[in-house]
Amino acid sequence: MNAPTRPAPELRSAYRAFWTIPTRWEDNDTYGHVNNVVYYSWFDTAVNALLIQQGVLDIHHGRTIGLVIETQCNYFAPVTFPQVIEAGVRVARIGGSSVRYEVGLFIQGEAECAARGHFIHVYVDRETRRPAPLAAEFKQFLETLQ
């Protein structure tokens, strides 16, 4: 049986769009680095900010919303306050109502990511919470991130 491949950091060139996120004093934990749960918040922030900025997601009035059904993260280097994070985003898979986003978190100016991971959104009707097909303009934007 082959040993599992150990995840490795990726370069900036592996990502299609970036969103800058400053760390906050409260992000540090007792051990002096950003706590692991904050990384998941950065994933969500980067993806949703890009979607909102492009006008393909309306979090207040849109008919569909994205619900996270899976998430994962690998850590390679510590991040601390007051560093600035540049979150690289790409789309690995577009389904009928779901999207797998992959995110690399880079300390500003660094070539390799400090962490990388993914999450899957299933887009659902805001009222019924049933899966809803991705709109054409939404898919078009997602394709630019592949």
Protein backbone atom coordinates (compact mmCIF):
# COMPACT_ATOMS: atom_id res chain seq x y z
CA MET A 1 0.00 0.00 0.00
CA ASN A 2 1.35 3.44 -0.95
CA ALA A 3 1.72 6.08 1.73
CA PRO A 4 -0.62 9.05 1.28
CA THR A 5 0.87 12.07 -0.44
CA ARG A 6 1.68 14.81 2.01
CA PRO A 7 0.02 18.12 1.07
CA ALA A 8 2.44 20.85 0.04
CA PRO A 9 2.19 24.62 -0.25
CA GLU A 10 1.36 26.06 -3.66
CA LEU A 11 2.56 29.15 -5.49
CA ARG A 12 0.48 32.25 -6.23
CA SER A 13 0.32 31.29 -9.90
CA ALA A 14 -2.00 28.39 -8.98
CA TYR A 15 -4.80 30.87 -8.17
CA ARG A 16 -6.93 33.07 -10.43
CA ALA A 17 -8.11 35.93 -8.18
CA PHE A 18 -6.97 37.45 -4.89
CA TRP A 19 -8.63 39.19 -1.96
CA THR A 20 -6.63 41.03 0.71
CA ILE A 21 -7.52 40.44 4.37
CA PRO A 22 -5.72 42.14 7.27
CA THR A 23 -5.23 40.04 10.38
CA ARG A 24 -6.71 41.38 13.62
CA TRP A 25 -5.33 41.40 17.14
CA GLU A 26 -8.09 39.03 18.23
CA ASP A 27 -7.12 36.47 15.56
CA ASN A 28 -4.04 35.43 17.57
CA ASP A 29 -4.48 32.63 20.06
CA THR A 30 -2.65 31.80 23.29
CA TYR A 31 0.21 30.27 21.29
CA GLY A 32 0.95 33.55 19.50
CA HIS A 33 -0.34 32.73 16.03
CA VAL A 34 -3.65 32.97 14.22
CA ASN A 35 -6.05 30.30 15.46
CA ASN A 36 -7.03 27.60 12.96
CA VAL A 37 -10.74 28.50 12.94
CA VAL A 38 -9.90 31.96 11.55
CA TYR A 39 -8.55 30.40 8.35
CA TYR A 40 -12.02 29.06 7.52
CA SER A 41 -13.45 32.53 7.99
CA TRP A 42 -10.85 33.86 5.53
CA PHE A 43 -11.90 31.24 2.97
CA ASP A 44 -15.51 32.36 3.26
CA THR A 45 -14.58 36.05 3.20
CA ALA A 46 -12.41 35.80 0.09
CA VAL A 47 -14.87 33.78 -1.99
CA ASN A 48 -17.99 35.71 -1.04
CA ALA A 49 -16.29 39.11 -1.37
CA LEU A 50 -15.21 38.24 -4.92
CA LEU A 51 -18.72 37.03 -5.83
CA ILE A 52 -20.33 40.15 -4.37
CA GLN A 53 -17.76 42.45 -6.03
CA GLN A 54 -18.52 40.85 -9.41
CA GLY A 55 -22.27 41.30 -8.89
CA VAL A 56 -23.08 37.58 -9.13
CA LEU A 57 -24.11 37.15 -5.48
CA ASP A 58 -26.67 39.30 -3.67
CA ILE A 59 -26.54 38.25 -0.02
CA HIS A 60 -29.51 40.40 0.97
CA HIS A 61 -32.03 40.01 -1.85
CA GLY A 62 -30.81 37.18 -4.10
CA ARG A 63 -33.05 34.17 -4.66
CA THR A 64 -30.21 31.74 -3.98
CA ILE A 65 -27.69 31.44 -1.16
CA GLY A 66 -24.62 29.24 -0.76
CA LEU A 67 -24.47 26.71 2.06
CA VAL A 68 -21.15 25.08 2.94
CA ILE A 69 -21.36 21.28 2.89
CA GLU A 70 -17.65 20.42 3.09
CA THR A 71 -14.46 22.17 4.11
CA GLN A 72 -10.80 21.27 4.66
CA CYS A 73 -7.50 23.07 5.34
CA ASN A 74 -3.79 22.21 5.41
CA TYR A 75 -1.39 24.48 7.32
CA PHE A 76 2.22 25.09 6.26
CA ALA A 77 3.46 28.26 8.02
CA PRO A 78 2.19 30.26 10.99
CA VAL A 79 0.39 33.56 10.48
CA THR A 80 0.40 36.25 13.18
CA PHE A 81 -1.03 39.69 13.78
CA PRO A 82 -0.29 42.24 12.23
CA GLN A 83 0.42 40.39 8.97
CA VAL A 84 -1.75 40.88 5.88
CA ILE A 85 -3.19 37.86 4.10
CA GLU A 86 -3.70 37.64 0.34
CA ALA A 87 -6.27 34.92 -0.29
CA GLY A 88 -5.95 33.28 -3.69
CA VAL A 89 -9.14 31.74 -5.08
CA ARG A 90 -9.79 29.27 -7.86
CA VAL A 91 -12.70 27.03 -8.83
CA ALA A 92 -11.95 23.32 -9.08
CA ARG A 93 -15.42 22.09 -10.03
CA ILE A 94 -18.72 23.58 -11.14
CA GLY A 95 -21.78 21.36 -10.76
CA GLY A 96 -25.44 22.00 -11.46
CA SER A 97 -25.99 23.66 -8.08
CA SER A 98 -22.61 23.30 -6.35
CA VAL A 99 -19.11 24.74 -6.60
CA ARG A 100 -15.81 23.55 -5.15
CA TYR A 101 -13.68 26.57 -4.30
CA GLU A 102 -10.00 26.19 -3.50
CA VAL A 103 -8.22 28.88 -1.51
CA GLY A 104 -4.56 29.55 -0.82
CA LEU A 105 -3.71 31.91 2.03
CA PHE A 106 -0.51 33.87 1.41
CA ILE A 107 1.29 36.14 3.83
CA GLN A 108 1.61 39.39 1.88
CA GLY A 109 4.61 39.23 -0.41
CA GLU A 110 5.32 35.51 0.12
CA ALA A 111 5.53 33.20 -2.91
CA GLU A 112 4.17 30.04 -1.22
CA CYS A 113 0.90 29.78 0.65
CA ALA A 114 0.89 29.52 4.43
CA ALA A 115 -2.26 27.38 4.20
CA ARG A 116 -4.53 26.00 1.53
CA GLY A 117 -7.84 24.28 1.50
CA HIS A 118 -11.24 24.05 -0.07
CA PHE A 119 -14.91 24.32 0.60
CA ILE A 120 -17.96 23.30 -1.33
CA HIS A 121 -21.00 25.52 -1.59
CA VAL A 122 -24.36 24.12 -2.59
CA TYR A 123 -26.52 26.94 -3.85
CA VAL A 124 -30.08 26.67 -2.63
CA ASP A 125 -33.33 28.59 -2.87
CA ARG A 126 -33.37 31.13 -0.04
CA GLU A 127 -36.88 30.11 1.08
CA THR A 128 -37.10 26.36 0.49
CA ARG A 129 -33.41 25.53 1.09
CA ARG A 130 -33.61 23.12 -1.86
CA PRO A 131 -30.75 23.03 -4.40
CA ALA A 132 -31.14 25.63 -7.16
CA PRO A 133 -29.41 25.63 -10.57
CA LEU A 134 -26.54 28.07 -10.95
CA ALA A 135 -27.50 31.14 -13.01
CA ALA A 136 -25.76 31.56 -16.37
CA GLU A 137 -23.95 34.79 -15.40
CA PHE A 138 -22.81 33.16 -12.16
CA LYS A 139 -21.38 30.17 -14.07
CA GLN A 140 -19.64 32.51 -16.51
CA PHE A 141 -17.82 34.25 -13.69
CA LEU A 142 -16.94 30.93 -12.01
CA GLU A 143 -15.39 29.72 -15.27
CA THR A 144 -12.93 32.66 -15.13
CA LEU A 145 -11.69 31.25 -11.83
CA GLN A 146 -10.92 27.76 -13.21
